[in-house]
PDB file of all heavy atoms in Angstrom:
ATOM      1  N   THR A   1     181.089-193.314 -50.174  1.00  0.00           N
ATOM      2  CA  THR A   1     181.961-193.321 -49.014  1.00  0.00           C
ATOM      3  C   THR A   1     181.140-192.878 -47.801  1.00  0.00           C
ATOM      4  O   THR A   1     179.946-192.491 -47.929  1.00  0.00           O
ATOM      5  CB  THR A   1     183.139-192.359 -49.229  1.00  0.00           C
ATOM      6  OG1 THR A   1     184.008-192.404 -48.126  1.00  0.00           O
ATOM      7  CG2 THR A   1     182.675-190.897 -49.394  1.00  0.00           C
ATOM      8  N   ASN A   2     181.762-193.066 -46.620  1.00  0.00           N
ATOM      9  CA  ASN A   2     181.056-192.627 -45.405  1.00  0.00           C
ATOM     10  C   ASN A   2     181.773-191.460 -44.778  1.00  0.00           C
ATOM     11  O   ASN A   2     181.579-191.156 -43.575  1.00  0.00           O
ATOM     12  CB  ASN A   2     181.098-193.814 -44.357  1.00  0.00           C
ATOM     13  CG  ASN A   2     182.497-194.351 -44.093  1.00  0.00           C
ATOM     14  OD1 ASN A   2     183.409-194.120 -44.910  1.00  0.00           O
ATOM     15  ND2 ASN A   2     182.650-195.109 -43.039  1.00  0.00           N
ATOM     16  N   TYR A   3     182.518-190.693 -45.666  1.00  0.00           N
ATOM     17  CA  TYR A   3     183.315-189.637 -45.107  1.00  0.00           C
ATOM     18  C   TYR A   3     183.403-188.502 -46.178  1.00  0.00           C
ATOM     19  O   TYR A   3     183.563-188.754 -47.370  1.00  0.00           O
ATOM     20  CB  TYR A   3     184.701-190.193 -44.844  1.00  0.00           C
ATOM     21  CG  TYR A   3     185.806-189.182 -44.655  1.00  0.00           C
ATOM     22  CD1 TYR A   3     185.723-188.190 -43.647  1.00  0.00           C
ATOM     23  CD2 TYR A   3     186.898-189.119 -45.523  1.00  0.00           C
ATOM     24  CE1 TYR A   3     186.744-187.265 -43.529  1.00  0.00           C
ATOM     25  CE2 TYR A   3     187.889-188.236 -45.386  1.00  0.00           C
ATOM     26  CZ  TYR A   3     187.836-187.283 -44.384  1.00  0.00           C
ATOM     27  OH  TYR A   3     188.796-186.344 -44.251  1.00  0.00           O
ATOM     28  N   ILE A   4     183.211-187.239 -45.753  1.00  0.00           N
ATOM     29  CA  ILE A   4     183.325-186.110 -46.637  1.00  0.00           C
ATOM     30  C   ILE A   4     184.273-185.124 -45.947  1.00  0.00           C
ATOM     31  O   ILE A   4     184.156-184.815 -44.798  1.00  0.00           O
ATOM     32  CB  ILE A   4     181.937-185.399 -46.864  1.00  0.00           C
ATOM     33  CG1 ILE A   4     180.948-186.318 -47.589  1.00  0.00           C
ATOM     34  CG2 ILE A   4     182.097-184.094 -47.626  1.00  0.00           C
ATOM     35  CD1 ILE A   4     179.586-185.734 -47.655  1.00  0.00           C
ATOM     36  N   LEU A   5     185.250-184.589 -46.721  1.00  0.00           N
ATOM     37  CA  LEU A   5     186.205-183.646 -46.224  1.00  0.00           C
ATOM     38  C   LEU A   5     186.058-182.336 -46.982  1.00  0.00           C
ATOM     39  O   LEU A   5     185.997-182.361 -48.198  1.00  0.00           O
ATOM     40  CB  LEU A   5     187.600-184.178 -46.336  1.00  0.00           C
ATOM     41  CG  LEU A   5     188.736-183.255 -45.851  1.00  0.00           C
ATOM     42  CD1 LEU A   5     188.661-183.075 -44.360  1.00  0.00           C
ATOM     43  CD2 LEU A   5     190.120-183.791 -46.249  1.00  0.00           C
ATOM     44  N   SER A   6     186.001-181.257 -46.275  1.00  0.00           N
ATOM     45  CA  SER A   6     185.964-179.938 -46.953  1.00  0.00           C
ATOM     46  C   SER A   6     186.607-178.937 -46.019  1.00  0.00           C
ATOM     47  O   SER A   6     187.002-179.231 -44.943  1.00  0.00           O
ATOM     48  CB  SER A   6     184.527-179.521 -47.227  1.00  0.00           C
ATOM     49  OG  SER A   6     183.870-179.070 -46.135  1.00  0.00           O
ATOM     50  N   SER A   7     186.605-177.642 -46.413  1.00  0.00           N
ATOM     51  CA  SER A   7     187.138-176.565 -45.612  1.00  0.00           C
ATOM     52  C   SER A   7     186.023-175.897 -44.840  1.00  0.00           C
ATOM     53  O   SER A   7     186.189-174.874 -44.172  1.00  0.00           O
ATOM     54  CB  SER A   7     187.845-175.549 -46.474  1.00  0.00           C
ATOM     55  OG  SER A   7     186.926-175.028 -47.489  1.00  0.00           O
ATOM     56  N   SER A   8     184.808-176.424 -44.792  1.00  0.00           N
ATOM     57  CA  SER A   8     183.659-175.883 -44.097  1.00  0.00           C
ATOM     58  C   SER A   8     183.879-175.902 -42.586  1.00  0.00           C
ATOM     59  O   SER A   8     184.638-176.699 -42.080  1.00  0.00           O
ATOM     60  CB  SER A   8     182.427-176.668 -44.484  1.00  0.00           C
ATOM     61  OG  SER A   8     181.322-176.280 -43.637  1.00  0.00           O
ATOM     62  N   GLU A   9     183.174-174.996 -41.907  1.00  0.00           N
ATOM     63  CA  GLU A   9     183.245-174.968 -40.468  1.00  0.00           C
ATOM     64  C   GLU A   9     182.281-175.964 -39.819  1.00  0.00           C
ATOM     65  O   GLU A   9     182.299-176.119 -38.598  1.00  0.00           O
ATOM     66  CB  GLU A   9     182.915-173.583 -39.960  1.00  0.00           C
ATOM     67  CG  GLU A   9     181.490-173.140 -40.218  1.00  0.00           C
ATOM     68  CD  GLU A   9     181.105-171.774 -39.568  1.00  0.00           C
ATOM     69  OE1 GLU A   9     181.783-171.379 -38.619  1.00  0.00           O
ATOM     70  OE2 GLU A   9     180.185-171.148 -40.087  1.00  0.00           O
ATOM     71  N   TYR A  10     181.483-176.646 -40.637  1.00  0.00           N
ATOM     72  CA  TYR A  10     180.520-177.636 -40.085  1.00  0.00           C
ATOM     73  C   TYR A  10     181.000-179.052 -40.308  1.00  0.00           C
ATOM     74  O   TYR A  10     181.652-179.400 -41.309  1.00  0.00           O
ATOM     75  CB  TYR A  10     179.192-177.445 -40.819  1.00  0.00           C
ATOM     76  CG  TYR A  10     178.524-176.174 -40.494  1.00  0.00           C
ATOM     77  CD1 TYR A  10     178.534-175.122 -41.449  1.00  0.00           C
ATOM     78  CD2 TYR A  10     177.874-175.932 -39.295  1.00  0.00           C
ATOM     79  CE1 TYR A  10     177.931-173.879 -41.198  1.00  0.00           C
ATOM     80  CE2 TYR A  10     177.254-174.713 -39.023  1.00  0.00           C
ATOM     81  CZ  TYR A  10     177.286-173.687 -39.977  1.00  0.00           C
ATOM     82  OH  TYR A  10     176.686-172.493 -39.667  1.00  0.00           O
ATOM     83  N   VAL A  11     180.650-179.903 -39.345  1.00  0.00           N
ATOM     84  CA  VAL A  11     180.895-181.378 -39.518  1.00  0.00           C
ATOM     85  C   VAL A  11     179.645-182.133 -39.083  1.00  0.00           C
ATOM     86  O   VAL A  11     179.124-181.918 -38.020  1.00  0.00           O
ATOM     87  CB  VAL A  11     182.144-181.813 -38.698  1.00  0.00           C
ATOM     88  CG1 VAL A  11     182.003-181.497 -37.182  1.00  0.00           C
ATOM     89  CG2 VAL A  11     182.390-183.339 -38.886  1.00  0.00           C
ATOM     90  N   VAL A  12     179.124-182.947 -39.989  1.00  0.00           N
ATOM     91  CA  VAL A  12     177.952-183.774 -39.691  1.00  0.00           C
ATOM     92  C   VAL A  12     178.419-185.131 -39.143  1.00  0.00           C
ATOM     93  O   VAL A  12     179.334-185.779 -39.693  1.00  0.00           O
ATOM     94  CB  VAL A  12     177.126-184.048 -40.999  1.00  0.00           C
ATOM     95  CG1 VAL A  12     175.925-184.962 -40.679  1.00  0.00           C
ATOM     96  CG2 VAL A  12     176.652-182.706 -41.563  1.00  0.00           C
ATOM     97  N   ILE A  13     177.858-185.499 -37.985  1.00  0.00           N
ATOM     98  CA  ILE A  13     178.291-186.707 -37.269  1.00  0.00           C
ATOM     99  C   ILE A  13     177.114-187.509 -36.872  1.00  0.00           C
ATOM    100  O   ILE A  13     176.116-186.941 -36.335  1.00  0.00           O
ATOM    101  CB  ILE A  13     179.130-186.312 -36.039  1.00  0.00           C
ATOM    102  CG1 ILE A  13     180.493-185.745 -36.458  1.00  0.00           C
ATOM    103  CG2 ILE A  13     179.365-187.526 -35.121  1.00  0.00           C
ATOM    104  CD1 ILE A  13     181.340-185.217 -35.321  1.00  0.00           C
ATOM    105  N   GLU A  14     177.178-188.806 -37.064  1.00  0.00           N
ATOM    106  CA  GLU A  14     176.175-189.727 -36.545  1.00  0.00           C
ATOM    107  C   GLU A  14     176.537-189.974 -35.075  1.00  0.00           C
ATOM    108  O   GLU A  14     177.617-190.528 -34.739  1.00  0.00           O
ATOM    109  CB  GLU A  14     176.143-191.021 -37.333  1.00  0.00           C
ATOM    110  CG  GLU A  14     175.089-192.018 -36.800  1.00  0.00           C
ATOM    111  CD  GLU A  14     174.917-193.189 -37.687  1.00  0.00           C
ATOM    112  OE1 GLU A  14     175.065-193.079 -38.908  1.00  0.00           O
ATOM    113  OE2 GLU A  14     174.695-194.301 -37.133  1.00  0.00           O
ATOM    114  N   ALA A  15     175.647-189.588 -34.158  1.00  0.00           N
ATOM    115  CA  ALA A  15     175.936-189.652 -32.684  1.00  0.00           C
ATOM    116  C   ALA A  15     175.367-191.031 -32.213  1.00  0.00           C
ATOM    117  O   ALA A  15     174.178-191.221 -32.104  1.00  0.00           O
ATOM    118  CB  ALA A  15     175.259-188.497 -32.012  1.00  0.00           C
ATOM    119  N   ASP A  16     176.345-191.942 -31.815  1.00  0.00           N
ATOM    120  CA  ASP A  16     175.954-193.271 -31.406  1.00  0.00           C
ATOM    121  C   ASP A  16     175.777-193.345 -29.943  1.00  0.00           C
ATOM    122  O   ASP A  16     176.647-193.033 -29.185  1.00  0.00           O
ATOM    123  CB  ASP A  16     177.044-194.231 -31.884  1.00  0.00           C
ATOM    124  CG  ASP A  16     176.666-195.685 -31.732  1.00  0.00           C
ATOM    125  OD1 ASP A  16     175.554-195.961 -31.297  1.00  0.00           O
ATOM    126  OD2 ASP A  16     177.522-196.527 -32.050  1.00  0.00           O
ATOM    127  N   GLU A  17     174.609-193.863 -29.538  1.00  0.00           N
ATOM    128  CA  GLU A  17     174.291-194.000 -28.080  1.00  0.00           C
ATOM    129  C   GLU A  17     174.888-195.294 -27.508  1.00  0.00           C
ATOM    130  O   GLU A  17     174.946-195.452 -26.248  1.00  0.00           O
ATOM    131  CB  GLU A  17     172.787-193.940 -27.797  1.00  0.00           C
ATOM    132  CG  GLU A  17     171.996-195.231 -28.099  1.00  0.00           C
ATOM    133  CD  GLU A  17     171.617-195.423 -29.556  1.00  0.00           C
ATOM    134  OE1 GLU A  17     172.129-194.667 -30.411  1.00  0.00           O
ATOM    135  OE2 GLU A  17     170.851-196.358 -29.867  1.00  0.00           O
ATOM    136  N   PHE A  18     175.334-196.266 -28.326  1.00  0.00           N
ATOM    137  CA  PHE A  18     175.905-197.463 -27.765  1.00  0.00           C
ATOM    138  C   PHE A  18     177.079-197.164 -26.894  1.00  0.00           C
ATOM    139  O   PHE A  18     177.943-196.345 -27.211  1.00  0.00           O
ATOM    140  CB  PHE A  18     176.382-198.378 -28.956  1.00  0.00           C
ATOM    141  CG  PHE A  18     177.103-199.625 -28.442  1.00  0.00           C
ATOM    142  CD1 PHE A  18     176.407-200.623 -27.846  1.00  0.00           C
ATOM    143  CD2 PHE A  18     178.441-199.746 -28.615  1.00  0.00           C
ATOM    144  CE1 PHE A  18     177.067-201.788 -27.391  1.00  0.00           C
ATOM    145  CE2 PHE A  18     179.120-200.881 -28.148  1.00  0.00           C
ATOM    146  CZ  PHE A  18     178.399-201.897 -27.573  1.00  0.00           C
ATOM    147  N   ASP A  19     177.137-197.749 -25.714  1.00  0.00           N
ATOM    148  CA  ASP A  19     178.274-197.553 -24.737  1.00  0.00           C
ATOM    149  C   ASP A  19     178.410-196.062 -24.359  1.00  0.00           C
ATOM    150  O   ASP A  19     179.507-195.639 -24.013  1.00  0.00           O
ATOM    151  CB  ASP A  19     179.554-198.089 -25.388  1.00  0.00           C
ATOM    152  CG  ASP A  19     180.619-198.293 -24.372  1.00  0.00           C
ATOM    153  OD1 ASP A  19     180.298-198.674 -23.242  1.00  0.00           O
ATOM    154  OD2 ASP A  19     181.832-198.101 -24.660  1.00  0.00           O
ATOM    155  N   ARG A  20     177.310-195.338 -24.514  1.00  0.00           N
ATOM    156  CA  ARG A  20     177.253-193.877 -24.146  1.00  0.00           C
ATOM    157  C   ARG A  20     178.248-193.084 -24.987  1.00  0.00           C
ATOM    158  O   ARG A  20     178.732-191.998 -24.469  1.00  0.00           O
ATOM    159  CB  ARG A  20     177.431-193.631 -22.633  1.00  0.00           C
ATOM    160  CG  ARG A  20     176.313-194.300 -21.818  1.00  0.00           C
ATOM    161  CD  ARG A  20     176.587-194.098 -20.324  1.00  0.00           C
ATOM    162  NE  ARG A  20     175.445-194.563 -19.552  1.00  0.00           N
ATOM    163  CZ  ARG A  20     175.162-195.796 -19.185  1.00  0.00           C
ATOM    164  NH1 ARG A  20     176.039-196.822 -19.605  1.00  0.00           N
ATOM    165  NH2 ARG A  20     174.149-196.176 -18.512  1.00  0.00           N
ATOM    166  N   SER A  21     178.621-193.541 -26.127  1.00  0.00           N
ATOM    167  CA  SER A  21     179.690-192.897 -26.960  1.00  0.00           C
ATOM    168  C   SER A  21     179.383-191.450 -27.236  1.00  0.00           C
ATOM    169  O   SER A  21     180.249-190.628 -27.317  1.00  0.00           O
ATOM    170  CB  SER A  21     179.826-193.653 -28.291  1.00  0.00           C
ATOM    171  OG  SER A  21     180.424-194.960 -28.080  1.00  0.00           O
ATOM    172  N   PHE A  22     178.077-191.117 -27.436  1.00  0.00           N
ATOM    173  CA  PHE A  22     177.751-189.754 -27.840  1.00  0.00           C
ATOM    174  C   PHE A  22     177.950-188.754 -26.732  1.00  0.00           C
ATOM    175  O   PHE A  22     177.868-187.530 -26.967  1.00  0.00           O
ATOM    176  CB  PHE A  22     176.323-189.695 -28.414  1.00  0.00           C
ATOM    177  CG  PHE A  22     175.196-190.043 -27.469  1.00  0.00           C
ATOM    178  CD1 PHE A  22     173.839-189.778 -27.888  1.00  0.00           C
ATOM    179  CD2 PHE A  22     175.367-190.675 -26.267  1.00  0.00           C
ATOM    180  CE1 PHE A  22     172.752-190.132 -27.094  1.00  0.00           C
ATOM    181  CE2 PHE A  22     174.274-191.073 -25.457  1.00  0.00           C
ATOM    182  CZ  PHE A  22     172.998-190.751 -25.860  1.00  0.00           C
ATOM    183  N   HIS A  23     178.278-189.175 -25.512  1.00  0.00           N
ATOM    184  CA  HIS A  23     178.623-188.231 -24.441  1.00  0.00           C
ATOM    185  C   HIS A  23     179.921-187.547 -24.607  1.00  0.00           C
ATOM    186  O   HIS A  23     180.240-186.597 -23.943  1.00  0.00           O
ATOM    187  CB  HIS A  23     178.542-188.974 -23.093  1.00  0.00           C
ATOM    188  CG  HIS A  23     177.184-189.375 -22.652  1.00  0.00           C
ATOM    189  ND1 HIS A  23     176.935-190.103 -21.548  1.00  0.00           N
ATOM    190  CD2 HIS A  23     175.975-189.134 -23.191  1.00  0.00           C
ATOM    191  CE1 HIS A  23     175.648-190.303 -21.410  1.00  0.00           C
ATOM    192  NE2 HIS A  23     175.055-189.723 -22.409  1.00  0.00           N
ATOM    193  N   TRP A  24     180.757-188.045 -25.563  1.00  0.00           N
ATOM    194  CA  TRP A  24     182.039-187.339 -25.874  1.00  0.00           C
ATOM    195  C   TRP A  24     181.812-186.131 -26.725  1.00  0.00           C
ATOM    196  O   TRP A  24     182.720-185.304 -26.901  1.00  0.00           O
ATOM    197  CB  TRP A  24     182.960-188.310 -26.563  1.00  0.00           C
ATOM    198  CG  TRP A  24     183.472-189.418 -25.638  1.00  0.00           C
ATOM    199  CD1 TRP A  24     182.986-190.715 -25.627  1.00  0.00           C
ATOM    200  CD2 TRP A  24     184.476-189.375 -24.661  1.00  0.00           C
ATOM    201  NE1 TRP A  24     183.702-191.454 -24.700  1.00  0.00           N
ATOM    202  CE2 TRP A  24     184.592-190.674 -24.073  1.00  0.00           C
ATOM    203  CE3 TRP A  24     185.279-188.332 -24.239  1.00  0.00           C
ATOM    204  CZ2 TRP A  24     185.521-190.929 -23.112  1.00  0.00           C
ATOM    205  CZ3 TRP A  24     186.199-188.593 -23.228  1.00  0.00           C
ATOM    206  CH2 TRP A  24     186.282-189.875 -22.616  1.00  0.00           C
ATOM    207  N   LEU A  25     180.653-186.029 -27.441  1.00  0.00           N
ATOM    208  CA  LEU A  25     180.407-184.968 -28.385  1.00  0.00           C
ATOM    209  C   LEU A  25     180.009-183.643 -27.735  1.00  0.00           C
ATOM    210  O   LEU A  25     179.472-183.642 -26.643  1.00  0.00           O
ATOM    211  CB  LEU A  25     179.331-185.416 -29.403  1.00  0.00           C
ATOM    212  CG  LEU A  25     179.573-186.713 -30.163  1.00  0.00           C
ATOM    213  CD1 LEU A  25     178.357-187.128 -31.009  1.00  0.00           C
ATOM    214  CD2 LEU A  25     180.829-186.648 -30.991  1.00  0.00           C
ATOM    215  N   ARG A  26     180.242-182.587 -28.428  1.00  0.00           N
ATOM    216  CA  ARG A  26     179.785-181.253 -28.057  1.00  0.00           C
ATOM    217  C   ARG A  26     179.096-180.601 -29.267  1.00  0.00           C
ATOM    218  O   ARG A  26     179.639-179.800 -29.928  1.00  0.00           O
ATOM    219  CB  ARG A  26     180.938-180.352 -27.569  1.00  0.00           C
ATOM    220  CG  ARG A  26     181.698-180.868 -26.333  1.00  0.00           C
ATOM    221  CD  ARG A  26     180.761-180.904 -25.124  1.00  0.00           C
ATOM    222  NE  ARG A  26     181.449-181.382 -23.896  1.00  0.00           N
ATOM    223  CZ  ARG A  26     181.509-182.658 -23.575  1.00  0.00           C
ATOM    224  NH1 ARG A  26     180.918-183.587 -24.271  1.00  0.00           N
ATOM    225  NH2 ARG A  26     182.137-183.012 -22.469  1.00  0.00           N
ATOM    226  N   PRO A  27     177.826-180.998 -29.515  1.00  0.00           N
ATOM    227  CA  PRO A  27     177.160-180.596 -30.732  1.00  0.00           C
ATOM    228  C   PRO A  27     176.896-179.024 -30.723  1.00  0.00           C
ATOM    229  O   PRO A  27     176.682-178.423 -29.727  1.00  0.00           O
ATOM    230  CB  PRO A  27     175.836-181.360 -30.689  1.00  0.00           C
ATOM    231  CG  PRO A  27     176.064-182.440 -29.695  1.00  0.00           C
ATOM    232  CD  PRO A  27     177.000-181.927 -28.701  1.00  0.00           C
ATOM    233  N   TRP A  28     176.813-178.513 -31.970  1.00  0.00           N
ATOM    234  CA  TRP A  28     176.320-177.206 -32.164  1.00  0.00           C
ATOM    235  C   TRP A  28     174.794-177.214 -32.436  1.00  0.00           C
ATOM    236  O   TRP A  28     174.070-176.510 -31.797  1.00  0.00           O
ATOM    237  CB  TRP A  28     177.043-176.532 -33.392  1.00  0.00           C
ATOM    238  CG  TRP A  28     176.508-175.235 -33.812  1.00  0.00           C
ATOM    239  CD1 TRP A  28     175.838-174.956 -34.992  1.00  0.00           C
ATOM    240  CD2 TRP A  28     176.507-174.001 -33.055  1.00  0.00           C
ATOM    241  NE1 TRP A  28     175.471-173.628 -35.006  1.00  0.00           N
ATOM    242  CE2 TRP A  28     175.872-172.987 -33.855  1.00  0.00           C
ATOM    243  CE3 TRP A  28     177.039-173.642 -31.795  1.00  0.00           C
ATOM    244  CZ2 TRP A  28     175.711-171.679 -33.415  1.00  0.00           C
ATOM    245  CZ3 TRP A  28     176.869-172.301 -31.383  1.00  0.00           C
ATOM    246  CH2 TRP A  28     176.250-171.365 -32.127  1.00  0.00           C
ATOM    247  N   ILE A  29     174.444-178.189 -33.234  1.00  0.00           N
ATOM    248  CA  ILE A  29     172.971-178.525 -33.478  1.00  0.00           C
ATOM    249  C   ILE A  29     172.844-180.036 -33.410  1.00  0.00           C
ATOM    250  O   ILE A  29     173.737-180.747 -33.913  1.00  0.00           O
ATOM    251  CB  ILE A  29     172.509-177.997 -34.816  1.00  0.00           C
ATOM    252  CG1 ILE A  29     172.608-176.481 -34.951  1.00  0.00           C
ATOM    253  CG2 ILE A  29     170.997-178.341 -35.021  1.00  0.00           C
ATOM    254  CD1 ILE A  29     172.218-175.950 -36.279  1.00  0.00           C
ATOM    255  N   SER A  30     171.817-180.520 -32.749  1.00  0.00           N
ATOM    256  CA  SER A  30     171.549-181.919 -32.779  1.00  0.00           C
ATOM    257  C   SER A  30     170.091-182.210 -33.074  1.00  0.00           C
ATOM    258  O   SER A  30     169.229-181.570 -32.623  1.00  0.00           O
ATOM    259  CB  SER A  30     171.889-182.553 -31.440  1.00  0.00           C
ATOM    260  OG  SER A  30     171.704-183.975 -31.489  1.00  0.00           O
ATOM    261  N   VAL A  31     169.931-183.286 -33.867  1.00  0.00           N
ATOM    262  CA  VAL A  31     168.633-183.926 -34.034  1.00  0.00           C
ATOM    263  C   VAL A  31     168.556-185.168 -33.174  1.00  0.00           C
ATOM    264  O   VAL A  31     169.550-185.851 -33.072  1.00  0.00           O
ATOM    265  CB  VAL A  31     168.435-184.319 -35.520  1.00  0.00           C
ATOM    266  CG1 VAL A  31     167.274-185.244 -35.708  1.00  0.00           C
ATOM    267  CG2 VAL A  31     168.276-183.100 -36.436  1.00  0.00           C
ATOM    268  N   ILE A  32     167.421-185.401 -32.545  1.00  0.00           N
ATOM    269  CA  ILE A  32     167.187-186.703 -31.893  1.00  0.00           C
ATOM    270  C   ILE A  32     165.916-187.289 -32.552  1.00  0.00           C
ATOM    271  O   ILE A  32     164.860-186.738 -32.476  1.00  0.00           O
ATOM    272  CB  ILE A  32     167.016-186.551 -30.382  1.00  0.00           C
ATOM    273  CG1 ILE A  32     168.284-185.996 -29.725  1.00  0.00           C
ATOM    274  CG2 ILE A  32     166.687-187.922 -29.786  1.00  0.00           C
ATOM    275  CD1 ILE A  32     168.204-185.838 -28.223  1.00  0.00           C
ATOM    276  N   THR A  33     166.118-188.394 -33.181  1.00  0.00           N
ATOM    277  CA  THR A  33     165.076-189.011 -34.024  1.00  0.00           C
ATOM    278  C   THR A  33     164.141-189.925 -33.256  1.00  0.00           C
ATOM    279  O   THR A  33     162.959-190.029 -33.526  1.00  0.00           O
ATOM    280  CB  THR A  33     165.698-189.838 -35.167  1.00  0.00           C
ATOM    281  OG1 THR A  33     166.450-190.939 -34.590  1.00  0.00           O
ATOM    282  CG2 THR A  33     166.614-188.993 -36.061  1.00  0.00           C
ATOM    283  N   ALA A  34     164.706-190.636 -32.242  1.00  0.00           N
ATOM    284  CA  ALA A  34     163.881-191.625 -31.513  1.00  0.00           C
ATOM    285  C   ALA A  34     164.630-192.017 -30.266  1.00  0.00           C
ATOM    286  O   ALA A  34     165.903-191.955 -30.175  1.00  0.00           O
ATOM    287  CB  ALA A  34     163.651-192.876 -32.357  1.00  0.00           C
ATOM    288  N   THR A  35     163.895-192.433 -29.244  1.00  0.00           N
ATOM    289  CA  THR A  35     164.555-192.916 -27.999  1.00  0.00           C
ATOM    290  C   THR A  35     163.855-194.195 -27.466  1.00  0.00           C
ATOM    291  O   THR A  35     163.732-194.402 -26.276  1.00  0.00           O
ATOM    292  CB  THR A  35     164.488-191.798 -26.876  1.00  0.00           C
ATOM    293  OG1 THR A  35     163.087-191.395 -26.683  1.00  0.00           O
ATOM    294  CG2 THR A  35     165.312-190.601 -27.204  1.00  0.00           C
ATOM    295  N   ASP A  36     163.516-195.030 -28.432  1.00  0.00           N
ATOM    296  CA  ASP A  36     162.908-196.352 -28.038  1.00  0.00           C
ATOM    297  C   ASP A  36     164.082-197.165 -27.458  1.00  0.00           C
ATOM    298  O   ASP A  36     165.154-197.220 -28.031  1.00  0.00           O
ATOM    299  CB  ASP A  36     162.411-197.060 -29.309  1.00  0.00           C
ATOM    300  CG  ASP A  36     161.398-196.192 -30.052  1.00  0.00           C
ATOM    301  OD1 ASP A  36     160.371-195.854 -29.425  1.00  0.00           O
ATOM    302  OD2 ASP A  36     161.670-195.794 -31.211  1.00  0.00           O
ATOM    303  N   PRO A  37     163.898-197.807 -26.291  1.00  0.00           N
ATOM    304  CA  PRO A  37     164.950-198.472 -25.573  1.00  0.00           C
ATOM    305  C   PRO A  37     165.681-199.496 -26.498  1.00  0.00           C
ATOM    306  O   PRO A  37     165.115-200.257 -27.168  1.00  0.00           O
ATOM    307  CB  PRO A  37     164.248-199.161 -24.428  1.00  0.00           C
ATOM    308  CG  PRO A  37     162.992-198.437 -24.256  1.00  0.00           C
ATOM    309  CD  PRO A  37     162.612-197.914 -25.576  1.00  0.00           C
ATOM    310  N   ASP A  38     167.000-199.448 -26.392  1.00  0.00           N
ATOM    311  CA  ASP A  38     167.860-200.387 -27.097  1.00  0.00           C
ATOM    312  C   ASP A  38     169.163-200.544 -26.247  1.00  0.00           C
ATOM    313  O   ASP A  38     169.376-199.798 -25.331  1.00  0.00           O
ATOM    314  CB  ASP A  38     168.195-199.906 -28.480  1.00  0.00           C
ATOM    315  CG  ASP A  38     168.751-200.993 -29.373  1.00  0.00           C
ATOM    316  OD1 ASP A  38     168.743-202.171 -29.006  1.00  0.00           O
ATOM    317  OD2 ASP A  38     169.245-200.662 -30.483  1.00  0.00           O
ATOM    318  N   HIS A  39     169.958-201.470 -26.625  1.00  0.00           N
ATOM    319  CA  HIS A  39     171.266-201.722 -25.904  1.00  0.00           C
ATOM    320  C   HIS A  39     170.993-201.874 -24.418  1.00  0.00           C
ATOM    321  O   HIS A  39     171.791-201.340 -23.586  1.00  0.00           O
ATOM    322  CB  HIS A  39     172.218-200.543 -26.170  1.00  0.00           C
ATOM    323  CG  HIS A  39     172.499-200.297 -27.644  1.00  0.00           C
ATOM    324  ND1 HIS A  39     172.999-201.237 -28.496  1.00  0.00           N
ATOM    325  CD2 HIS A  39     172.257-199.203 -28.421  1.00  0.00           C
ATOM    326  CE1 HIS A  39     173.176-200.748 -29.695  1.00  0.00           C
ATOM    327  NE2 HIS A  39     172.683-199.531 -29.665  1.00  0.00           N
ATOM    328  N   LEU A  40     170.016-202.632 -24.041  1.00  0.00           N
ATOM    329  CA  LEU A  40     169.705-202.799 -22.636  1.00  0.00           C
ATOM    330  C   LEU A  40     170.768-203.700 -21.972  1.00  0.00           C
ATOM    331  O   LEU A  40     170.846-203.739 -20.740  1.00  0.00           O
ATOM    332  CB  LEU A  40     168.315-203.441 -22.483  1.00  0.00           C
ATOM    333  CG  LEU A  40     167.133-202.448 -22.932  1.00  0.00           C
ATOM    334  CD1 LEU A  40     165.796-203.105 -22.563  1.00  0.00           C
ATOM    335  CD2 LEU A  40     167.261-201.112 -22.258  1.00  0.00           C
ATOM    336  N   ASP A  41     171.649-204.391 -22.757  1.00  0.00           N
ATOM    337  CA  ASP A  41     172.793-205.067 -22.188  1.00  0.00           C
ATOM    338  C   ASP A  41     173.779-204.094 -21.638  1.00  0.00           C
ATOM    339  O   ASP A  41     174.522-204.361 -20.712  1.00  0.00           O
ATOM    340  CB  ASP A  41     173.477-205.982 -23.224  1.00  0.00           C
ATOM    341  CG  ASP A  41     173.830-205.193 -24.489  1.00  0.00           C
ATOM    342  OD1 ASP A  41     173.073-204.338 -24.943  1.00  0.00           O
ATOM    343  OD2 ASP A  41     174.895-205.491 -25.104  1.00  0.00           O
TER     344      ASP A  41
END
């Protein structure tokens, strides 16, 4: 599955940069893996 539910205080989220979607998030911790240009449209 692509979804895990528990009573934990943590939630792991894939932060998508397409359409600037990740600007809605308020991370506690974030990893940034790469910033090679994409979605130039």
